Amino acid sequence: MTTPGDEDPGARSGFAALPSPLAAVDDMRSVAKWTLAVAGAVGAALISGGPLIAVGQVHGVHHAVIAGLGLLAALVGVELAIWSTTKVLAPRLTTPATLASPKLTEFRDLVNADREYLFGAVAKDVADLLRHQVIAVRLTELHKAKKSDHPRQAMIAAQLSRVTRNAARADPYVRWLLTAAHAWQVEAELKRSRWWTLLGGMLVVAGAVLFFSVTGNSGPTYVPVLTPQVTAVPSASTVPAATP
């Protein structure tokens, strides 16, 4: 824990000079929007005139069921890609409680591994960094309660200034950590959406192959043939002579 006389250059200018991790969030959401546009275009193609025209080539209930399952699988694949990608664009709230959640264990381990360069002498790990604000709030509540005896109240008042200053030093680090954790969550969601989109693409391909394999070979194909008609031309001998 730092003391009132400690100087912390990182708190004054270190994080202020770094680019905000939220800038990467905008880029990742742009990628998600492009993915949604592609998935929407595929879905529009599936329900457009092409497959509807091919439905006319289905003959028999058995083939109709297979064609319906193929089209349904393709549409489910598109919906799967859209559903997983929209989760990247969904708003989320990142709080200190989020930093302590199990889903950010890898993020905390990565930060704690370089805590000397990230936190300096302010904290030894992420939990210690978040503890500064908690201690300051609890001590302020005890000081305002005025239910303790005078010696303890004087001790709390003496410690309150130092604890408050420590919390103020830790505040820039906490804010940067929250934005970095927010970007980390969006990136993790984008990675998951890529796998779901890949699975959805495989469903689209399988469904399209199943659908068109049935509609392309489900019955006999009739090709119209034009038969020329021959018209007999009467000869000159059969033409009656004109009477005077």
Protein backbone atom coordinates (compact mmCIF):
# COMPACT_ATOMS: atom_id res chain seq x y z
CA MET A 1 0.00 0.00 0.00
CA THR A 2 1.33 3.44 -0.89
CA THR A 3 1.74 6.31 1.51
CA PRO A 4 0.75 10.00 1.15
CA GLY A 5 4.31 10.98 0.35
CA ASP A 6 4.78 8.47 -2.45
CA GLU A 7 4.95 9.72 -6.03
CA ASP A 8 3.44 7.61 -8.76
CA PRO A 9 4.39 8.81 -12.26
CA GLY A 10 2.25 6.12 -13.85
CA ALA A 11 -0.89 7.43 -12.24
CA ARG A 12 -0.15 10.95 -13.49
CA SER A 13 0.82 10.31 -17.11
CA GLY A 14 1.41 6.62 -17.88
CA PHE A 15 -2.11 5.51 -18.62
CA ALA A 16 -3.09 8.90 -19.98
CA ALA A 17 -0.51 8.41 -22.77
CA LEU A 18 -1.78 4.95 -23.72
CA PRO A 19 -4.53 4.53 -26.33
CA SER A 20 -7.86 3.47 -24.93
CA PRO A 21 -8.67 -0.23 -25.35
CA LEU A 22 -12.18 0.86 -26.35
CA ALA A 23 -10.80 1.89 -29.75
CA ALA A 24 -10.33 -1.80 -30.55
CA VAL A 25 -13.95 -2.47 -29.59
CA ASP A 26 -15.19 -0.27 -32.43
CA ASP A 27 -13.04 -2.19 -34.94
CA MET A 28 -14.26 -5.56 -33.66
CA ARG A 29 -17.88 -4.45 -33.86
CA SER A 30 -17.29 -3.28 -37.43
CA VAL A 31 -16.14 -6.81 -38.26
CA ALA A 32 -19.30 -8.17 -36.63
CA LYS A 33 -21.45 -5.82 -38.73
CA TRP A 34 -19.82 -7.05 -41.94
CA THR A 35 -20.43 -10.64 -40.84
CA LEU A 36 -24.09 -9.83 -40.23
CA ALA A 37 -24.35 -8.27 -43.70
CA VAL A 38 -22.92 -11.40 -45.35
CA ALA A 39 -25.18 -13.70 -43.32
CA GLY A 40 -28.19 -11.58 -44.20
CA ALA A 41 -27.31 -11.73 -47.90
CA VAL A 42 -27.06 -15.53 -47.74
CA GLY A 43 -30.41 -15.72 -45.96
CA ALA A 44 -32.01 -13.48 -48.57
CA ALA A 45 -30.66 -15.71 -51.34
CA LEU A 46 -32.12 -18.79 -49.67
CA ILE A 47 -35.63 -17.37 -49.52
CA SER A 48 -35.47 -15.67 -52.91
CA GLY A 49 -36.77 -16.91 -56.22
CA GLY A 50 -34.09 -19.54 -56.90
CA PRO A 51 -35.08 -22.13 -54.29
CA LEU A 52 -38.77 -21.35 -54.77
CA ILE A 53 -38.52 -22.10 -58.47
CA ALA A 54 -36.62 -25.32 -57.71
CA VAL A 55 -39.47 -26.46 -55.45
CA GLY A 56 -41.49 -27.08 -58.58
CA GLN A 57 -39.07 -29.88 -59.49
CA VAL A 58 -39.94 -31.87 -56.33
CA HIS A 59 -42.04 -34.97 -57.01
CA GLY A 60 -43.35 -37.16 -54.24
CA VAL A 61 -43.74 -36.75 -50.49
CA HIS A 62 -40.39 -38.38 -49.72
CA HIS A 63 -38.46 -35.94 -51.86
CA ALA A 64 -40.50 -33.03 -50.54
CA VAL A 65 -39.54 -33.90 -46.96
CA ILE A 66 -35.85 -34.16 -47.87
CA ALA A 67 -35.95 -30.84 -49.71
CA GLY A 68 -37.70 -29.20 -46.76
CA LEU A 69 -35.11 -30.51 -44.31
CA GLY A 70 -32.30 -29.26 -46.53
CA LEU A 71 -33.79 -25.77 -46.76
CA LEU A 72 -34.49 -25.75 -43.03
CA ALA A 73 -30.87 -26.72 -42.24
CA ALA A 74 -29.60 -23.91 -44.45
CA LEU A 75 -31.86 -21.35 -42.76
CA VAL A 76 -30.84 -22.60 -39.31
CA GLY A 77 -27.20 -22.13 -40.32
CA VAL A 78 -27.87 -18.52 -41.30
CA GLU A 79 -29.78 -17.86 -38.10
CA LEU A 80 -26.98 -19.40 -36.06
CA ALA A 81 -24.45 -17.05 -37.63
CA ILE A 82 -26.69 -14.02 -37.06
CA TRP A 83 -27.48 -14.96 -33.46
CA SER A 84 -23.85 -15.47 -32.49
CA THR A 85 -22.67 -12.29 -34.21
CA THR A 86 -25.32 -10.06 -32.65
CA LYS A 87 -23.96 -10.98 -29.22
CA VAL A 88 -20.80 -9.07 -30.15
CA LEU A 89 -22.88 -5.93 -30.74
CA ALA A 90 -24.95 -6.31 -27.58
CA PRO A 91 -24.13 -3.74 -24.85
CA ARG A 92 -22.43 -5.10 -21.75
CA LEU A 93 -21.56 -3.68 -18.34
CA THR A 94 -18.04 -4.21 -17.03
CA THR A 95 -17.60 -3.62 -13.29
CA PRO A 96 -14.98 -4.58 -10.70
CA ALA A 97 -17.19 -7.57 -9.92
CA THR A 98 -16.80 -8.61 -13.57
CA LEU A 99 -13.04 -8.54 -13.16
CA ALA A 100 -13.36 -11.10 -10.36
CA SER A 101 -15.55 -13.46 -12.40
CA PRO A 102 -14.21 -16.86 -13.49
CA LYS A 103 -14.61 -16.02 -17.20
CA LEU A 104 -11.85 -13.42 -16.88
CA THR A 105 -9.37 -15.73 -15.16
CA GLU A 106 -7.05 -15.74 -18.17
CA PHE A 107 -7.20 -11.95 -18.36
CA ARG A 108 -6.31 -11.58 -14.67
CA ASP A 109 -3.44 -14.04 -14.98
CA LEU A 110 -2.06 -12.11 -17.95
CA VAL A 111 -2.24 -8.80 -16.08
CA ASN A 112 -0.82 -10.22 -12.86
CA ALA A 113 2.12 -11.69 -14.73
CA ASP A 114 3.24 -8.14 -15.67
CA ARG A 115 1.94 -6.33 -12.62
CA GLU A 116 5.29 -4.59 -11.98
CA TYR A 117 5.00 -2.81 -15.34
CA LEU A 118 1.25 -2.23 -15.19
CA PHE A 119 0.68 -1.31 -11.53
CA GLY A 120 4.13 -0.37 -10.30
CA ALA A 121 4.11 0.03 -6.53
CA VAL A 122 0.38 0.75 -6.37
CA ALA A 123 -0.74 -2.88 -6.13
CA LYS A 124 0.66 -6.38 -6.30
CA ASP A 125 -2.19 -7.84 -8.36
CA VAL A 126 -5.69 -7.09 -9.64
CA ALA A 127 -7.40 -7.98 -6.37
CA ASP A 128 -5.06 -5.72 -4.42
CA LEU A 129 -5.73 -2.87 -6.84
CA LEU A 130 -9.49 -3.16 -6.40
CA ARG A 131 -9.10 -3.36 -2.64
CA HIS A 132 -8.00 0.29 -2.36
CA GLN A 133 -11.42 1.68 -3.22
CA VAL A 134 -13.22 -0.83 -1.00
CA ILE A 135 -11.09 0.09 2.00
CA ALA A 136 -11.63 3.80 1.39
CA VAL A 137 -15.40 3.41 1.19
CA ARG A 138 -15.63 1.20 4.29
CA LEU A 139 -13.43 3.53 6.31
CA THR A 140 -15.46 6.57 5.20
CA GLU A 141 -18.66 4.83 6.27
CA LEU A 142 -17.17 4.08 9.69
CA HIS A 143 -16.02 7.66 10.05
CA LYS A 144 -19.46 9.04 9.21
CA ALA A 145 -21.29 6.58 11.45
CA LYS A 146 -19.75 8.07 14.64
CA LYS A 147 -20.78 5.06 16.67
CA SER A 148 -17.34 4.07 17.87
CA ASP A 149 -15.45 5.38 20.83
CA HIS A 150 -13.32 8.51 20.59
CA PRO A 151 -9.89 6.80 20.43
CA ARG A 152 -11.01 4.55 17.58
CA GLN A 153 -12.70 7.44 15.81
CA ALA A 154 -9.48 9.43 15.99
CA MET A 155 -7.53 6.50 14.56
CA ILE A 156 -10.02 6.16 11.69
CA ALA A 157 -9.77 9.87 10.94
CA ALA A 158 -5.97 9.63 10.91
CA GLN A 159 -6.02 6.73 8.45
CA LEU A 160 -8.80 8.10 6.24
CA SER A 161 -6.62 10.67 4.47
CA ARG A 162 -3.98 8.11 3.52
CA VAL A 163 -6.55 5.51 2.42
CA THR A 164 -8.43 8.05 0.32
CA ARG A 165 -5.24 9.13 -1.38
CA ASN A 166 -4.32 5.52 -2.14
CA ALA A 167 -7.75 5.01 -3.70
CA ALA A 168 -7.26 8.14 -5.83
CA ARG A 169 -3.89 6.78 -7.04
CA ALA A 170 -5.42 3.45 -7.93
CA ASP A 171 -8.37 4.99 -9.77
CA PRO A 172 -6.61 5.52 -13.18
CA TYR A 173 -5.36 1.93 -13.08
CA VAL A 174 -8.83 0.61 -12.26
CA ARG A 175 -10.41 2.61 -15.08
CA TRP A 176 -7.86 1.35 -17.60
CA LEU A 177 -8.31 -2.19 -16.31
CA LEU A 178 -12.09 -1.98 -16.75
CA THR A 179 -11.78 -0.76 -20.34
CA ALA A 180 -9.20 -3.45 -21.12
CA ALA A 181 -11.47 -6.11 -19.60
CA HIS A 182 -14.37 -4.78 -21.65
CA ALA A 183 -12.36 -5.08 -24.86
CA TRP A 184 -11.23 -8.55 -23.79
CA GLN A 185 -14.84 -9.69 -23.41
CA VAL A 186 -15.82 -8.32 -26.82
CA GLU A 187 -12.86 -10.08 -28.42
CA ALA A 188 -13.76 -13.35 -26.71
CA GLU A 189 -17.34 -13.02 -27.95
CA LEU A 190 -16.09 -12.29 -31.47
CA LYS A 191 -13.94 -15.43 -31.42
CA ARG A 192 -16.91 -17.52 -30.31
CA SER A 193 -19.10 -15.99 -33.00
CA ARG A 194 -16.53 -16.97 -35.64
CA TRP A 195 -16.75 -20.61 -34.64
CA TRP A 196 -20.55 -20.47 -34.57
CA THR A 197 -20.55 -18.75 -37.96
CA LEU A 198 -18.29 -21.47 -39.34
CA LEU A 199 -20.70 -24.10 -38.04
CA GLY A 200 -23.60 -22.16 -39.54
CA GLY A 201 -21.82 -22.00 -42.90
CA MET A 202 -21.35 -25.76 -42.86
CA LEU A 203 -25.08 -26.19 -42.19
CA VAL A 204 -25.89 -23.86 -45.08
CA VAL A 205 -23.67 -25.82 -47.48
CA ALA A 206 -25.04 -29.19 -46.31
CA GLY A 207 -28.63 -27.99 -46.51
CA ALA A 208 -28.13 -26.47 -49.97
CA VAL A 209 -26.51 -29.65 -51.30
CA LEU A 210 -29.34 -31.77 -49.87
CA PHE A 211 -32.02 -29.46 -51.27
CA PHE A 212 -30.66 -29.13 -54.79
CA SER A 213 -29.72 -32.80 -55.02
CA VAL A 214 -33.39 -33.64 -54.57
CA THR A 215 -34.83 -30.89 -56.71
CA GLY A 216 -32.38 -31.61 -59.51
CA ASN A 217 -33.05 -35.36 -59.82
CA SER A 218 -36.49 -35.92 -58.37
CA GLY A 219 -38.39 -36.81 -61.52
CA PRO A 220 -38.28 -37.17 -65.29
CA THR A 221 -37.46 -34.11 -67.27
CA TYR A 222 -39.59 -33.40 -70.28
CA VAL A 223 -37.99 -31.51 -73.14
CA PRO A 224 -40.37 -30.07 -75.68
CA VAL A 225 -39.58 -31.12 -79.26
CA LEU A 226 -40.82 -29.11 -82.19
CA THR A 227 -41.90 -31.37 -85.07
CA PRO A 228 -42.07 -29.61 -88.41
CA GLN A 229 -45.34 -29.99 -90.25
CA VAL A 230 -45.18 -30.66 -94.01
CA THR A 231 -47.92 -29.07 -96.08
CA ALA A 232 -48.54 -30.66 -99.48
CA VAL A 233 -48.41 -28.23 -102.37
CA PRO A 234 -50.73 -29.22 -105.27
CA SER A 235 -49.01 -29.86 -108.57
CA ALA A 236 -49.79 -28.11 -111.79
CA SER A 237 -51.51 -31.19 -113.24
CA THR A 238 -54.07 -31.25 -110.49
CA VAL A 239 -55.01 -27.63 -110.93
CA PRO A 240 -58.26 -27.41 -113.01
CA ALA A 241 -57.98 -25.52 -116.22
CA ALA A 242 -59.73 -22.25 -116.44
CA THR A 243 -62.86 -22.24 -118.58
CA PRO A 244 -63.29 -19.50 -121.18
